[in-house]
Amino acid sequence: MKYIWSLIQEERTKQKKYELSVAYSDITSWIEIRSINENKFLININLRLYDIFEEYCEWLNIKNRTMSLDELEVKLESFENKILHILGEMDLIRGRNIKEELIREIIGYIREETSTEVFSQKELKILAHAIYRLRKTGMSKAIFKEVLDKIFGNCYLYSHKDNNYISYIGTKKSEQNEIKLETIKFFFLDIECTLEVFWEYHFGILDFEETMKLDKIQLY
């Protein structure tokens, strides 16, 4: 489910104005945001923001109507837009803090489950951010390849057959690097997949001249 802080984050990248309004109806009770069009969104205040808007909703019911309904509606829409933007900015800060807290928890989990002494603090953060993304997207193969690149550098991943992969890792094979690889496989490679790894020297591929130098290839 999309929250107001994630909406604020997305709309910031578009660098254009957008409008937020309170949804008094026409929105499912368990949804926080409903898009009217690309520039206008309804916010369900009953889900997380009712305590803030409770007195405002009561005011709507008892306010003396000394102005026309059209004038009142314009003023209310302006007020709602401003207050929801403020709340959205606050929620964005909270959302970022939640992500960082989750990253710290994931690092703690990695330390408990694996031999983390082989990883630097920077590498642990790479793993934690990748696990966080995996939980949100489920794109395990793409993230697996990305983590290999960031941890080892100069890596290639080839699909050999269904769920069978061949990988070239452009660094020397060592006990420490093998532990790193097994940890990455544990978190990001599906259990039914198999992986064959070539360390340091790439295997030869026909029509790719750079991979066919006899002193720098492994036979496959």
N, C-alpha and C. Protein backbone atom coordinates (compact mmCIF):
# COMPACT_ATOMS: atom_id res chain seq x y z
N MET A 1 0.84 -1.20 0.00
CA MET A 1 0.00 0.00 0.00
C MET A 1 0.88 1.25 0.00
N LYS A 2 0.49 2.26 -0.81
CA LYS A 2 1.25 3.50 -0.88
C LYS A 2 0.81 4.44 0.25
N TYR A 3 1.81 5.02 0.93
CA TYR A 3 1.53 5.99 1.99
C TYR A 3 1.81 7.40 1.49
N ILE A 4 1.38 8.37 2.26
CA ILE A 4 1.54 9.76 1.84
C ILE A 4 3.02 10.12 1.67
N TRP A 5 3.89 9.56 2.52
CA TRP A 5 5.32 9.90 2.40
C TRP A 5 5.91 9.38 1.09
N SER A 6 5.47 8.20 0.64
CA SER A 6 6.01 7.67 -0.61
C SER A 6 5.48 8.46 -1.81
N LEU A 7 4.23 8.96 -1.70
CA LEU A 7 3.69 9.82 -2.75
C LEU A 7 4.51 11.11 -2.86
N ILE A 8 4.81 11.74 -1.71
CA ILE A 8 5.61 12.96 -1.70
C ILE A 8 6.96 12.70 -2.36
N GLN A 9 7.57 11.57 -2.03
CA GLN A 9 8.88 11.22 -2.59
C GLN A 9 8.83 11.08 -4.11
N GLU A 10 7.79 10.42 -4.60
CA GLU A 10 7.64 10.23 -6.04
C GLU A 10 7.39 11.55 -6.77
N GLU A 11 6.48 12.36 -6.22
CA GLU A 11 6.10 13.59 -6.90
C GLU A 11 7.23 14.61 -6.91
N ARG A 12 8.12 14.55 -5.93
CA ARG A 12 9.26 15.46 -5.90
C ARG A 12 10.12 15.30 -7.15
N THR A 13 10.29 14.08 -7.60
CA THR A 13 11.15 13.82 -8.76
C THR A 13 10.56 14.39 -10.04
N LYS A 14 9.24 14.62 -10.08
CA LYS A 14 8.58 15.13 -11.29
C LYS A 14 8.67 16.64 -11.41
N GLN A 15 9.01 17.31 -10.31
CA GLN A 15 9.20 18.76 -10.28
C GLN A 15 8.00 19.52 -10.87
N LYS A 16 6.80 19.15 -10.43
CA LYS A 16 5.62 19.90 -10.84
C LYS A 16 4.64 19.93 -9.68
N LYS A 17 3.72 20.88 -9.72
CA LYS A 17 2.76 21.05 -8.64
C LYS A 17 1.72 19.93 -8.67
N TYR A 18 1.27 19.56 -7.49
CA TYR A 18 0.20 18.57 -7.37
C TYR A 18 -0.66 18.95 -6.17
N GLU A 19 -1.88 18.44 -6.15
CA GLU A 19 -2.85 18.84 -5.13
C GLU A 19 -3.27 17.64 -4.28
N LEU A 20 -3.37 17.87 -2.99
CA LEU A 20 -3.83 16.85 -2.05
C LEU A 20 -5.13 17.31 -1.42
N SER A 21 -6.11 16.42 -1.35
CA SER A 21 -7.40 16.75 -0.74
C SER A 21 -7.84 15.62 0.17
N VAL A 22 -8.63 15.98 1.18
CA VAL A 22 -9.18 14.97 2.10
C VAL A 22 -10.28 14.20 1.38
N ALA A 23 -10.25 12.89 1.50
CA ALA A 23 -11.27 12.04 0.89
C ALA A 23 -12.38 11.80 1.92
N TYR A 24 -13.52 12.42 1.71
CA TYR A 24 -14.65 12.23 2.61
C TYR A 24 -15.47 11.01 2.20
N SER A 25 -15.30 10.58 0.98
CA SER A 25 -15.99 9.39 0.48
C SER A 25 -15.22 8.91 -0.74
N ASP A 26 -15.73 7.88 -1.40
CA ASP A 26 -15.14 7.39 -2.66
C ASP A 26 -13.71 6.89 -2.48
N ILE A 27 -13.40 6.33 -1.32
CA ILE A 27 -12.09 5.73 -1.14
C ILE A 27 -12.23 4.54 -0.19
N THR A 28 -11.56 3.45 -0.50
CA THR A 28 -11.62 2.25 0.33
C THR A 28 -10.98 2.52 1.68
N SER A 29 -11.55 1.97 2.71
CA SER A 29 -11.12 2.29 4.08
C SER A 29 -9.68 1.89 4.36
N TRP A 30 -9.15 0.88 3.66
CA TRP A 30 -7.79 0.43 3.94
C TRP A 30 -6.76 1.00 2.96
N ILE A 31 -7.17 1.94 2.11
CA ILE A 31 -6.26 2.60 1.18
C ILE A 31 -6.04 4.03 1.64
N GLU A 32 -4.78 4.48 1.67
CA GLU A 32 -4.50 5.84 2.14
C GLU A 32 -4.57 6.87 1.01
N ILE A 33 -4.25 6.46 -0.21
CA ILE A 33 -4.17 7.43 -1.31
C ILE A 33 -4.96 6.92 -2.51
N ARG A 34 -5.73 7.82 -3.09
CA ARG A 34 -6.43 7.52 -4.35
C ARG A 34 -6.11 8.61 -5.36
N SER A 35 -5.68 8.20 -6.54
CA SER A 35 -5.33 9.16 -7.59
C SER A 35 -6.57 9.55 -8.37
N ILE A 36 -6.82 10.87 -8.45
CA ILE A 36 -7.91 11.40 -9.28
C ILE A 36 -7.40 11.61 -10.71
N ASN A 37 -6.24 12.22 -10.82
CA ASN A 37 -5.52 12.35 -12.08
C ASN A 37 -4.04 12.47 -11.73
N GLU A 38 -3.20 12.79 -12.71
CA GLU A 38 -1.75 12.79 -12.45
C GLU A 38 -1.31 13.92 -11.53
N ASN A 39 -2.20 14.90 -11.29
CA ASN A 39 -1.82 16.04 -10.45
C ASN A 39 -2.68 16.20 -9.20
N LYS A 40 -3.65 15.31 -8.99
CA LYS A 40 -4.54 15.46 -7.84
C LYS A 40 -4.76 14.11 -7.17
N PHE A 41 -4.65 14.11 -5.82
CA PHE A 41 -4.76 12.87 -5.06
C PHE A 41 -5.67 13.07 -3.85
N LEU A 42 -6.47 12.07 -3.55
CA LEU A 42 -7.30 12.06 -2.35
C LEU A 42 -6.58 11.31 -1.25
N ILE A 43 -6.64 11.84 -0.03
CA ILE A 43 -5.98 11.22 1.12
C ILE A 43 -7.04 10.75 2.11
N ASN A 44 -6.97 9.48 2.47
CA ASN A 44 -7.87 8.90 3.46
C ASN A 44 -7.33 9.22 4.86
N ILE A 45 -7.91 10.23 5.51
CA ILE A 45 -7.40 10.66 6.81
C ILE A 45 -7.78 9.69 7.92
N ASN A 46 -8.76 8.83 7.69
CA ASN A 46 -9.22 7.92 8.74
C ASN A 46 -8.22 6.80 9.02
N LEU A 47 -7.31 6.55 8.08
CA LEU A 47 -6.39 5.43 8.24
C LEU A 47 -5.30 5.71 9.27
N ARG A 48 -4.63 6.86 9.16
CA ARG A 48 -3.54 7.16 10.10
C ARG A 48 -3.58 8.59 10.63
N LEU A 49 -4.40 9.47 10.05
CA LEU A 49 -4.33 10.89 10.35
C LEU A 49 -5.55 11.44 11.06
N TYR A 50 -6.46 10.57 11.50
CA TYR A 50 -7.73 11.06 12.05
C TYR A 50 -7.53 11.91 13.31
N ASP A 51 -6.58 11.53 14.17
CA ASP A 51 -6.35 12.30 15.39
C ASP A 51 -6.01 13.76 15.09
N ILE A 52 -5.32 13.99 13.98
CA ILE A 52 -4.93 15.34 13.60
C ILE A 52 -6.14 16.10 13.05
N PHE A 53 -7.00 15.42 12.31
CA PHE A 53 -8.10 16.08 11.61
C PHE A 53 -9.42 16.02 12.38
N GLU A 54 -9.44 15.40 13.56
CA GLU A 54 -10.70 15.19 14.27
C GLU A 54 -11.41 16.52 14.56
N GLU A 55 -10.69 17.47 15.14
CA GLU A 55 -11.30 18.76 15.47
C GLU A 55 -11.69 19.52 14.20
N TYR A 56 -10.90 19.39 13.16
CA TYR A 56 -11.21 20.04 11.89
C TYR A 56 -12.52 19.51 11.31
N CYS A 57 -12.71 18.19 11.41
CA CYS A 57 -13.96 17.60 10.90
C CYS A 57 -15.16 18.07 11.72
N GLU A 58 -14.98 18.22 13.02
CA GLU A 58 -16.06 18.74 13.86
C GLU A 58 -16.37 20.19 13.51
N TRP A 59 -15.31 20.96 13.23
CA TRP A 59 -15.49 22.36 12.85
C TRP A 59 -16.33 22.49 11.59
N LEU A 60 -16.14 21.58 10.64
CA LEU A 60 -16.92 21.61 9.41
C LEU A 60 -18.42 21.51 9.69
N ASN A 61 -18.76 20.78 10.74
CA ASN A 61 -20.17 20.54 11.04
C ASN A 61 -20.84 21.71 11.76
N ILE A 62 -20.05 22.52 12.48
CA ILE A 62 -20.65 23.56 13.32
C ILE A 62 -20.34 24.98 12.85
N LYS A 63 -19.47 25.11 11.83
CA LYS A 63 -19.04 26.43 11.38
C LYS A 63 -20.23 27.26 10.89
N ASN A 64 -20.30 28.54 11.35
CA ASN A 64 -21.34 29.43 10.82
C ASN A 64 -21.08 29.69 9.34
N ARG A 65 -22.13 29.56 8.56
CA ARG A 65 -21.98 29.74 7.13
C ARG A 65 -22.17 31.22 6.78
N THR A 66 -21.17 32.06 7.13
CA THR A 66 -21.26 33.49 6.82
C THR A 66 -20.77 33.79 5.41
N MET A 67 -20.23 32.79 4.74
CA MET A 67 -19.81 32.96 3.36
C MET A 67 -20.57 31.95 2.50
N SER A 68 -20.51 32.16 1.22
CA SER A 68 -21.22 31.25 0.33
C SER A 68 -20.57 29.87 0.35
N LEU A 69 -21.33 28.89 -0.05
CA LEU A 69 -20.80 27.53 -0.08
C LEU A 69 -19.60 27.42 -1.02
N ASP A 70 -19.65 28.14 -2.14
CA ASP A 70 -18.53 28.09 -3.09
C ASP A 70 -17.27 28.68 -2.48
N GLU A 71 -17.42 29.81 -1.77
CA GLU A 71 -16.27 30.44 -1.12
C GLU A 71 -15.70 29.54 -0.04
N LEU A 72 -16.60 28.94 0.74
CA LEU A 72 -16.17 28.04 1.80
C LEU A 72 -15.42 26.84 1.23
N GLU A 73 -15.92 26.31 0.15
CA GLU A 73 -15.29 25.13 -0.47
C GLU A 73 -13.88 25.46 -0.96
N VAL A 74 -13.70 26.62 -1.57
CA VAL A 74 -12.37 27.03 -2.05
C VAL A 74 -11.40 27.17 -0.90
N LYS A 75 -11.85 27.81 0.19
CA LYS A 75 -10.97 28.00 1.35
C LYS A 75 -10.60 26.65 1.98
N LEU A 76 -11.58 25.76 2.08
CA LEU A 76 -11.31 24.46 2.67
C LEU A 76 -10.33 23.64 1.82
N GLU A 77 -10.49 23.70 0.52
CA GLU A 77 -9.58 22.97 -0.35
C GLU A 77 -8.16 23.50 -0.23
N SER A 78 -8.03 24.83 -0.14
CA SER A 78 -6.71 25.44 0.03
C SER A 78 -6.07 25.00 1.35
N PHE A 79 -6.89 25.02 2.43
CA PHE A 79 -6.40 24.60 3.74
C PHE A 79 -5.96 23.15 3.71
N GLU A 80 -6.80 22.27 3.15
CA GLU A 80 -6.49 20.85 3.10
C GLU A 80 -5.19 20.60 2.32
N ASN A 81 -5.05 21.28 1.20
CA ASN A 81 -3.86 21.09 0.38
C ASN A 81 -2.59 21.45 1.16
N LYS A 82 -2.63 22.59 1.85
CA LYS A 82 -1.45 23.04 2.60
C LYS A 82 -1.13 22.10 3.76
N ILE A 83 -2.15 21.72 4.54
CA ILE A 83 -1.90 20.89 5.71
C ILE A 83 -1.45 19.49 5.31
N LEU A 84 -2.00 18.98 4.21
CA LEU A 84 -1.60 17.64 3.77
C LEU A 84 -0.18 17.64 3.22
N HIS A 85 0.24 18.73 2.59
CA HIS A 85 1.63 18.82 2.15
C HIS A 85 2.58 18.85 3.34
N ILE A 86 2.20 19.61 4.38
CA ILE A 86 3.03 19.64 5.59
C ILE A 86 3.13 18.24 6.20
N LEU A 87 1.98 17.58 6.35
CA LEU A 87 1.98 16.22 6.91
C LEU A 87 2.77 15.26 6.03
N GLY A 88 2.67 15.45 4.71
CA GLY A 88 3.42 14.59 3.80
C GLY A 88 4.92 14.75 3.98
N GLU A 89 5.39 16.00 4.13
CA GLU A 89 6.82 16.22 4.35
C GLU A 89 7.27 15.58 5.66
N MET A 90 6.45 15.69 6.70
CA MET A 90 6.78 15.06 7.97
C MET A 90 6.80 13.54 7.83
N ASP A 91 5.85 13.02 7.07
CA ASP A 91 5.75 11.58 6.88
C ASP A 91 6.92 11.07 6.05
N LEU A 92 7.40 11.89 5.09
CA LEU A 92 8.56 11.51 4.29
C LEU A 92 9.78 11.33 5.17
N ILE A 93 9.98 12.26 6.11
CA ILE A 93 11.11 12.13 7.04
C ILE A 93 10.97 10.86 7.86
N ARG A 94 9.76 10.60 8.34
CA ARG A 94 9.51 9.39 9.12
C ARG A 94 9.75 8.14 8.27
N GLY A 95 9.29 8.18 7.02
CA GLY A 95 9.48 7.03 6.14
C GLY A 95 10.95 6.73 5.91
N ARG A 96 11.75 7.76 5.71
CA ARG A 96 13.19 7.57 5.54
C ARG A 96 13.81 6.98 6.80
N ASN A 97 13.39 7.47 7.95
CA ASN A 97 13.92 6.94 9.20
C ASN A 97 13.56 5.47 9.38
N ILE A 98 12.34 5.10 8.97
CA ILE A 98 11.92 3.70 9.06
C ILE A 98 12.81 2.83 8.18
N LYS A 99 13.11 3.32 6.97
CA LYS A 99 13.97 2.54 6.08
C LYS A 99 15.34 2.32 6.71
N GLU A 100 15.93 3.37 7.27
CA GLU A 100 17.25 3.22 7.88
C GLU A 100 17.21 2.26 9.06
N GLU A 101 16.11 2.29 9.82
CA GLU A 101 15.97 1.36 10.94
C GLU A 101 15.87 -0.07 10.43
N LEU A 102 15.14 -0.27 9.33
CA LEU A 102 15.05 -1.60 8.74
C LEU A 102 16.40 -2.08 8.23
N ILE A 103 17.18 -1.17 7.64
CA ILE A 103 18.52 -1.54 7.16
C ILE A 103 19.39 -2.01 8.32
N ARG A 104 19.32 -1.30 9.45
CA ARG A 104 20.10 -1.71 10.63
C ARG A 104 19.66 -3.09 11.13
N GLU A 105 18.34 -3.33 11.11
CA GLU A 105 17.83 -4.63 11.54
C GLU A 105 18.29 -5.74 10.60
N ILE A 106 18.31 -5.45 9.31
CA ILE A 106 18.75 -6.45 8.33
C ILE A 106 20.24 -6.75 8.52
N ILE A 107 21.04 -5.73 8.78
CA ILE A 107 22.47 -5.97 9.05
C ILE A 107 22.63 -6.87 10.27
N GLY A 108 21.83 -6.64 11.31
CA GLY A 108 21.87 -7.50 12.49
C GLY A 108 21.52 -8.93 12.15
N TYR A 109 20.51 -9.10 11.28
CA TYR A 109 20.11 -10.45 10.84
C TYR A 109 21.24 -11.12 10.06
N ILE A 110 21.89 -10.36 9.17
CA ILE A 110 23.01 -10.92 8.40
C ILE A 110 24.11 -11.39 9.33
N ARG A 111 24.41 -10.59 10.35
CA ARG A 111 25.46 -10.97 11.31
C ARG A 111 25.12 -12.27 12.03
N GLU A 112 23.84 -12.46 12.35
CA GLU A 112 23.42 -13.67 13.06
C GLU A 112 23.47 -14.91 12.18
N GLU A 113 23.15 -14.76 10.90
CA GLU A 113 22.96 -15.90 10.01
C GLU A 113 24.20 -16.30 9.23
N THR A 114 25.20 -15.43 9.13
CA THR A 114 26.32 -15.71 8.24
C THR A 114 27.65 -15.37 8.90
N SER A 115 28.72 -15.72 8.18
CA SER A 115 30.08 -15.41 8.64
C SER A 115 30.43 -13.99 8.17
N THR A 116 29.98 -13.01 8.91
CA THR A 116 30.09 -11.63 8.43
C THR A 116 31.48 -11.04 8.64
N GLU A 117 32.40 -11.75 9.31
CA GLU A 117 33.72 -11.18 9.52
C GLU A 117 34.46 -10.99 8.19
N VAL A 118 34.02 -11.66 7.14
CA VAL A 118 34.69 -11.51 5.84
C VAL A 118 34.22 -10.26 5.11
N PHE A 119 33.12 -9.65 5.56
CA PHE A 119 32.59 -8.47 4.90
C PHE A 119 33.00 -7.19 5.63
N SER A 120 33.33 -6.16 4.86
CA SER A 120 33.54 -4.84 5.45
C SER A 120 32.19 -4.24 5.82
N GLN A 121 32.21 -3.14 6.58
CA GLN A 121 30.96 -2.47 6.93
C GLN A 121 30.25 -1.97 5.69
N LYS A 122 31.01 -1.47 4.72
CA LYS A 122 30.42 -1.00 3.46
C LYS A 122 29.73 -2.15 2.73
N GLU A 123 30.36 -3.32 2.71
CA GLU A 123 29.77 -4.48 2.03
C GLU A 123 28.52 -4.97 2.74
N LEU A 124 28.51 -4.89 4.08
CA LEU A 124 27.31 -5.27 4.82
C LEU A 124 26.14 -4.35 4.47
N LYS A 125 26.41 -3.06 4.30
CA LYS A 125 25.36 -2.13 3.91
C LYS A 125 24.86 -2.43 2.50
N ILE A 126 25.77 -2.82 1.61
CA ILE A 126 25.36 -3.21 0.25
C ILE A 126 24.41 -4.39 0.32
N LEU A 127 24.74 -5.40 1.11
CA LEU A 127 23.88 -6.57 1.27
C LEU A 127 22.53 -6.18 1.87
N ALA A 128 22.55 -5.34 2.90
CA ALA A 128 21.31 -4.98 3.59
C ALA A 128 20.37 -4.20 2.67
N HIS A 129 20.90 -3.23 1.93
CA HIS A 129 20.07 -2.46 1.01
C HIS A 129 19.52 -3.36 -0.09
N ALA A 130 20.31 -4.33 -0.54
CA ALA A 130 19.84 -5.24 -1.58
C ALA A 130 18.73 -6.15 -1.05
N ILE A 131 18.86 -6.63 0.18
CA ILE A 131 17.81 -7.46 0.79
C ILE A 131 16.53 -6.64 0.96
N TYR A 132 16.67 -5.38 1.36
CA TYR A 132 15.51 -4.50 1.49
C TYR A 132 14.81 -4.36 0.14
N ARG A 133 15.56 -4.15 -0.93
CA ARG A 133 14.97 -4.05 -2.27
C ARG A 133 14.34 -5.35 -2.70
N LEU A 134 14.98 -6.47 -2.35
CA LEU A 134 14.44 -7.78 -2.72
C LEU A 134 13.07 -7.99 -2.10
N ARG A 135 12.90 -7.58 -0.84
CA ARG A 135 11.62 -7.73 -0.16
C ARG A 135 10.54 -6.88 -0.83
N LYS A 136 10.92 -5.77 -1.45
CA LYS A 136 9.94 -4.88 -2.07
C LYS A 136 9.64 -5.27 -3.52
N THR A 137 10.65 -5.78 -4.25
CA THR A 137 10.49 -6.01 -5.68
C THR A 137 10.45 -7.48 -6.06
N GLY A 138 11.14 -8.34 -5.30
CA GLY A 138 11.20 -9.76 -5.65
C GLY A 138 12.08 -10.06 -6.85
N MET A 139 12.83 -9.07 -7.34
CA MET A 139 13.66 -9.27 -8.54
C MET A 139 15.01 -9.87 -8.13
N SER A 140 15.02 -11.16 -7.79
CA SER A 140 16.19 -11.78 -7.19
C SER A 140 17.38 -11.89 -8.15
N LYS A 141 17.14 -12.26 -9.41
CA LYS A 141 18.25 -12.45 -10.33
C LYS A 141 18.98 -11.14 -10.60
N ALA A 142 18.23 -10.08 -10.91
CA ALA A 142 18.84 -8.78 -11.19
C ALA A 142 19.60 -8.26 -9.98
N ILE A 143 19.03 -8.42 -8.79
CA ILE A 143 19.70 -7.95 -7.58
C ILE A 143 20.91 -8.81 -7.27
N PHE A 144 20.83 -10.11 -7.51
CA PHE A 144 21.97 -11.01 -7.32
C PHE A 144 23.15 -10.56 -8.17
N LYS A 145 22.91 -10.28 -9.45
CA LYS A 145 23.97 -9.80 -10.34
C LYS A 145 24.52 -8.47 -9.86
N GLU A 146 23.66 -7.56 -9.43
CA GLU A 146 24.09 -6.25 -8.97
C GLU A 146 24.98 -6.36 -7.73
N VAL A 147 24.61 -7.25 -6.80
CA VAL A 147 25.41 -7.43 -5.59
C VAL A 147 26.78 -8.03 -5.92
N LEU A 148 26.81 -9.00 -6.83
CA LEU A 148 28.09 -9.56 -7.26
C LEU A 148 29.01 -8.45 -7.77
N ASP A 149 28.47 -7.57 -8.61
CA ASP A 149 29.27 -6.47 -9.17
C ASP A 149 29.80 -5.55 -8.07
N LYS A 150 28.94 -5.23 -7.11
CA LYS A 150 29.34 -4.28 -6.07
C LYS A 150 30.34 -4.88 -5.09
N ILE A 151 30.22 -6.18 -4.82
CA ILE A 151 31.12 -6.82 -3.86
C ILE A 151 32.45 -7.21 -4.50
N PHE A 152 32.39 -7.77 -5.71
CA PHE A 152 33.60 -8.28 -6.36
C PHE A 152 34.11 -7.39 -7.49
N GLY A 153 33.21 -6.73 -8.20
CA GLY A 153 33.60 -5.95 -9.36
C GLY A 153 33.84 -6.83 -10.58
N ASN A 154 33.53 -6.32 -11.77
CA ASN A 154 33.82 -7.01 -13.03
C ASN A 154 33.25 -8.43 -13.05
N CYS A 155 31.94 -8.54 -12.94
CA CYS A 155 31.27 -9.85 -12.91
C CYS A 155 30.30 -9.97 -14.10
N TYR A 156 30.14 -11.20 -14.56
CA TYR A 156 29.16 -11.49 -15.60
C TYR A 156 28.34 -12.69 -15.16
N LEU A 157 27.05 -12.67 -15.49
CA LEU A 157 26.15 -13.77 -15.14
C LEU A 157 25.43 -14.20 -16.41
N TYR A 158 25.57 -15.50 -16.74
CA TYR A 158 24.97 -16.04 -17.95
C TYR A 158 23.96 -17.11 -17.58
N SER A 159 22.83 -17.11 -18.32
CA SER A 159 21.84 -18.16 -18.15
C SER A 159 22.21 -19.31 -19.07
N HIS A 160 22.49 -20.49 -18.48
CA HIS A 160 22.94 -21.65 -19.26
C HIS A 160 21.74 -22.50 -19.68
N LYS A 161 20.93 -22.91 -18.74
CA LYS A 161 19.68 -23.62 -18.97
C LYS A 161 18.68 -23.10 -17.96
N ASP A 162 17.49 -23.67 -17.94
CA ASP A 162 16.49 -23.23 -16.96
C ASP A 162 17.06 -23.36 -15.55
N ASN A 163 17.11 -22.23 -14.85
CA ASN A 163 17.57 -22.19 -13.45
C ASN A 163 19.02 -22.61 -13.28
N ASN A 164 19.79 -22.65 -14.36
CA ASN A 164 21.22 -22.96 -14.29
C ASN A 164 22.00 -21.76 -14.81
N TYR A 165 22.95 -21.29 -14.01
CA TYR A 165 23.70 -20.09 -14.37
C TYR A 165 25.19 -20.34 -14.32
N ILE A 166 25.90 -19.60 -15.17
CA ILE A 166 27.36 -19.59 -15.16
C ILE A 166 27.79 -18.16 -14.86
N SER A 167 28.74 -18.01 -13.95
CA SER A 167 29.18 -16.66 -13.59
C SER A 167 30.69 -16.54 -13.71
N TYR A 168 31.12 -15.41 -14.22
CA TYR A 168 32.54 -15.05 -14.21
C TYR A 168 32.73 -13.95 -13.16
N ILE A 169 33.67 -14.16 -12.27
CA ILE A 169 34.00 -13.16 -11.24
C ILE A 169 35.47 -12.79 -11.43
N GLY A 170 35.70 -11.53 -11.74
CA GLY A 170 37.04 -11.10 -12.13
C GLY A 170 37.98 -10.83 -10.98
N THR A 171 38.01 -11.71 -10.02
CA THR A 171 38.96 -11.61 -8.91
C THR A 171 39.45 -13.00 -8.56
N LYS A 172 40.50 -13.09 -7.80
CA LYS A 172 41.09 -14.39 -7.49
C LYS A 172 40.22 -15.19 -6.53
N LYS A 173 40.22 -16.48 -6.73
CA LYS A 173 39.50 -17.37 -5.83
C LYS A 173 40.25 -17.46 -4.51
N SER A 174 39.53 -17.33 -3.41
CA SER A 174 40.13 -17.46 -2.08
C SER A 174 39.05 -17.94 -1.13
N GLU A 175 39.46 -18.41 0.04
CA GLU A 175 38.48 -18.87 1.02
C GLU A 175 37.53 -17.75 1.41
N GLN A 176 38.08 -16.56 1.59
CA GLN A 176 37.25 -15.42 1.98
C GLN A 176 36.24 -15.07 0.89
N ASN A 177 36.70 -15.06 -0.37
CA ASN A 177 35.79 -14.73 -1.47
C ASN A 177 34.73 -15.80 -1.67
N GLU A 178 35.08 -17.06 -1.42
CA GLU A 178 34.10 -18.13 -1.55
C GLU A 178 33.02 -18.00 -0.48
N ILE A 179 33.41 -17.60 0.74
CA ILE A 179 32.42 -17.39 1.80
C ILE A 179 31.48 -16.24 1.42
N LYS A 180 32.05 -15.16 0.86
CA LYS A 180 31.23 -14.04 0.41
C LYS A 180 30.22 -14.50 -0.64
N LEU A 181 30.70 -15.29 -1.60
CA LEU A 181 29.82 -15.76 -2.67
C LEU A 181 28.70 -16.63 -2.12
N GLU A 182 29.02 -17.53 -1.21
CA GLU A 182 28.00 -18.41 -0.64
C GLU A 182 26.95 -17.62 0.13
N THR A 183 27.39 -16.55 0.79
CA THR A 183 26.44 -15.69 1.52
C THR A 183 25.51 -14.98 0.55
N ILE A 184 26.06 -14.46 -0.54
CA ILE A 184 25.25 -13.77 -1.54
C ILE A 184 24.26 -14.74 -2.17
N LYS A 185 24.71 -15.97 -2.47
CA LYS A 185 23.82 -16.99 -3.02
C LYS A 185 22.70 -17.30 -2.03
N PHE A 186 23.03 -17.39 -0.75
CA PHE A 186 22.05 -17.73 0.28
C PHE A 186 20.89 -16.73 0.30
N PHE A 187 21.21 -15.45 0.13
CA PHE A 187 20.18 -14.42 0.23
C PHE A 187 19.45 -14.15 -1.09
N PHE A 188 20.13 -14.31 -2.23
CA PHE A 188 19.56 -13.80 -3.48
C PHE A 188 19.34 -14.83 -4.58
N LEU A 189 19.89 -16.01 -4.47
CA LEU A 189 19.71 -17.00 -5.53
C LEU A 189 18.66 -18.01 -5.11
N ASP A 190 17.66 -18.19 -5.95
CA ASP A 190 16.58 -19.13 -5.63
C ASP A 190 17.15 -20.53 -5.38
N ILE A 191 16.52 -21.26 -4.45
CA ILE A 191 17.06 -22.54 -4.00
C ILE A 191 17.14 -23.57 -5.13
N GLU A 192 16.26 -23.44 -6.13
CA GLU A 192 16.27 -24.41 -7.23
C GLU A 192 17.33 -24.09 -8.28
N CYS A 193 18.01 -22.95 -8.15
CA CYS A 193 19.02 -22.55 -9.13
C CYS A 193 20.38 -23.15 -8.81
N THR A 194 21.15 -23.43 -9.85
CA THR A 194 22.54 -23.86 -9.69
C THR A 194 23.45 -22.81 -10.31
N LEU A 195 24.64 -22.67 -9.76
CA LEU A 195 25.58 -21.66 -10.23
C LEU A 195 26.97 -22.26 -10.35
N GLU A 196 27.56 -22.15 -11.53
CA GLU A 196 28.96 -22.55 -11.74
C GLU A 196 29.78 -21.29 -11.90
N VAL A 197 30.88 -21.19 -11.16
CA VAL A 197 31.64 -19.94 -11.10
C VAL A 197 33.03 -20.13 -11.69
N PHE A 198 33.43 -19.18 -12.50
CA PHE A 198 34.80 -19.11 -13.01
C PHE A 198 35.46 -17.88 -12.39
N TRP A 199 36.53 -18.09 -11.66
CA TRP A 199 37.23 -17.02 -10.97
C TRP A 199 38.39 -16.49 -11.83
N GLU A 200 38.59 -15.21 -11.79
CA GLU A 200 39.75 -14.49 -12.33
C GLU A 200 39.82 -14.49 -13.85
N TYR A 201 39.78 -15.67 -14.49
CA TYR A 201 39.88 -15.73 -15.94
C TYR A 201 38.54 -16.14 -16.55
N HIS A 202 38.12 -15.38 -17.55
CA HIS A 202 36.85 -15.64 -18.21
C HIS A 202 36.94 -16.89 -19.07
N PHE A 203 35.85 -17.60 -19.20
CA PHE A 203 35.80 -18.72 -20.14
C PHE A 203 35.61 -18.18 -21.56
N GLY A 204 36.05 -18.95 -22.54
CA GLY A 204 36.01 -18.50 -23.92
C GLY A 204 34.61 -18.53 -24.51
N ILE A 205 34.25 -17.47 -25.24
CA ILE A 205 32.98 -17.39 -25.95
C ILE A 205 33.28 -17.11 -27.41
N LEU A 206 32.80 -17.96 -28.29
CA LEU A 206 33.05 -17.78 -29.72
C LEU A 206 32.56 -16.42 -30.19
N ASP A 207 33.36 -15.80 -31.07
CA ASP A 207 33.06 -14.50 -31.67
C ASP A 207 33.27 -13.33 -30.72
N PHE A 208 33.74 -13.61 -29.49
CA PHE A 208 34.13 -12.55 -28.57
C PHE A 208 35.64 -12.65 -28.37
N GLU A 209 36.38 -11.86 -29.18
CA GLU A 209 37.82 -12.02 -29.27
C GLU A 209 38.51 -11.90 -27.91
N GLU A 210 38.04 -10.97 -27.08
CA GLU A 210 38.70 -10.73 -25.80
C GLU A 210 38.65 -11.94 -24.90
N THR A 211 37.64 -12.79 -25.06
CA THR A 211 37.51 -13.98 -24.19
C THR A 211 38.23 -15.20 -24.76
N MET A 212 38.83 -15.07 -25.95
CA MET A 212 39.42 -16.23 -26.61
C MET A 212 40.94 -16.23 -26.60
N LYS A 213 41.55 -15.38 -25.75
CA LYS A 213 43.01 -15.38 -25.63
C LYS A 213 43.43 -16.56 -24.77
N LEU A 214 44.25 -17.43 -25.32
CA LEU A 214 44.52 -18.73 -24.69
C LEU A 214 45.19 -18.62 -23.33
N ASP A 215 45.91 -17.55 -23.10
CA ASP A 215 46.59 -17.43 -21.79
C ASP A 215 45.68 -16.82 -20.74
N LYS A 216 44.45 -16.46 -21.13
CA LYS A 216 43.58 -15.77 -20.18
C LYS A 216 42.16 -16.36 -20.16
N ILE A 217 42.00 -17.63 -20.55
CA ILE A 217 40.67 -18.23 -20.53
C ILE A 217 40.71 -19.55 -19.80
N GLN A 218 39.53 -19.97 -19.37
CA GLN A 218 39.34 -21.32 -18.86
C GLN A 218 38.46 -22.06 -19.86
N LEU A 219 38.71 -23.34 -20.03
CA LEU A 219 37.92 -24.12 -20.95
C LEU A 219 36.62 -24.56 -20.28
N TYR A 220 35.55 -24.57 -21.06
CA TYR A 220 34.27 -25.01 -20.52
C TYR A 220 33.64 -26.00 -21.48
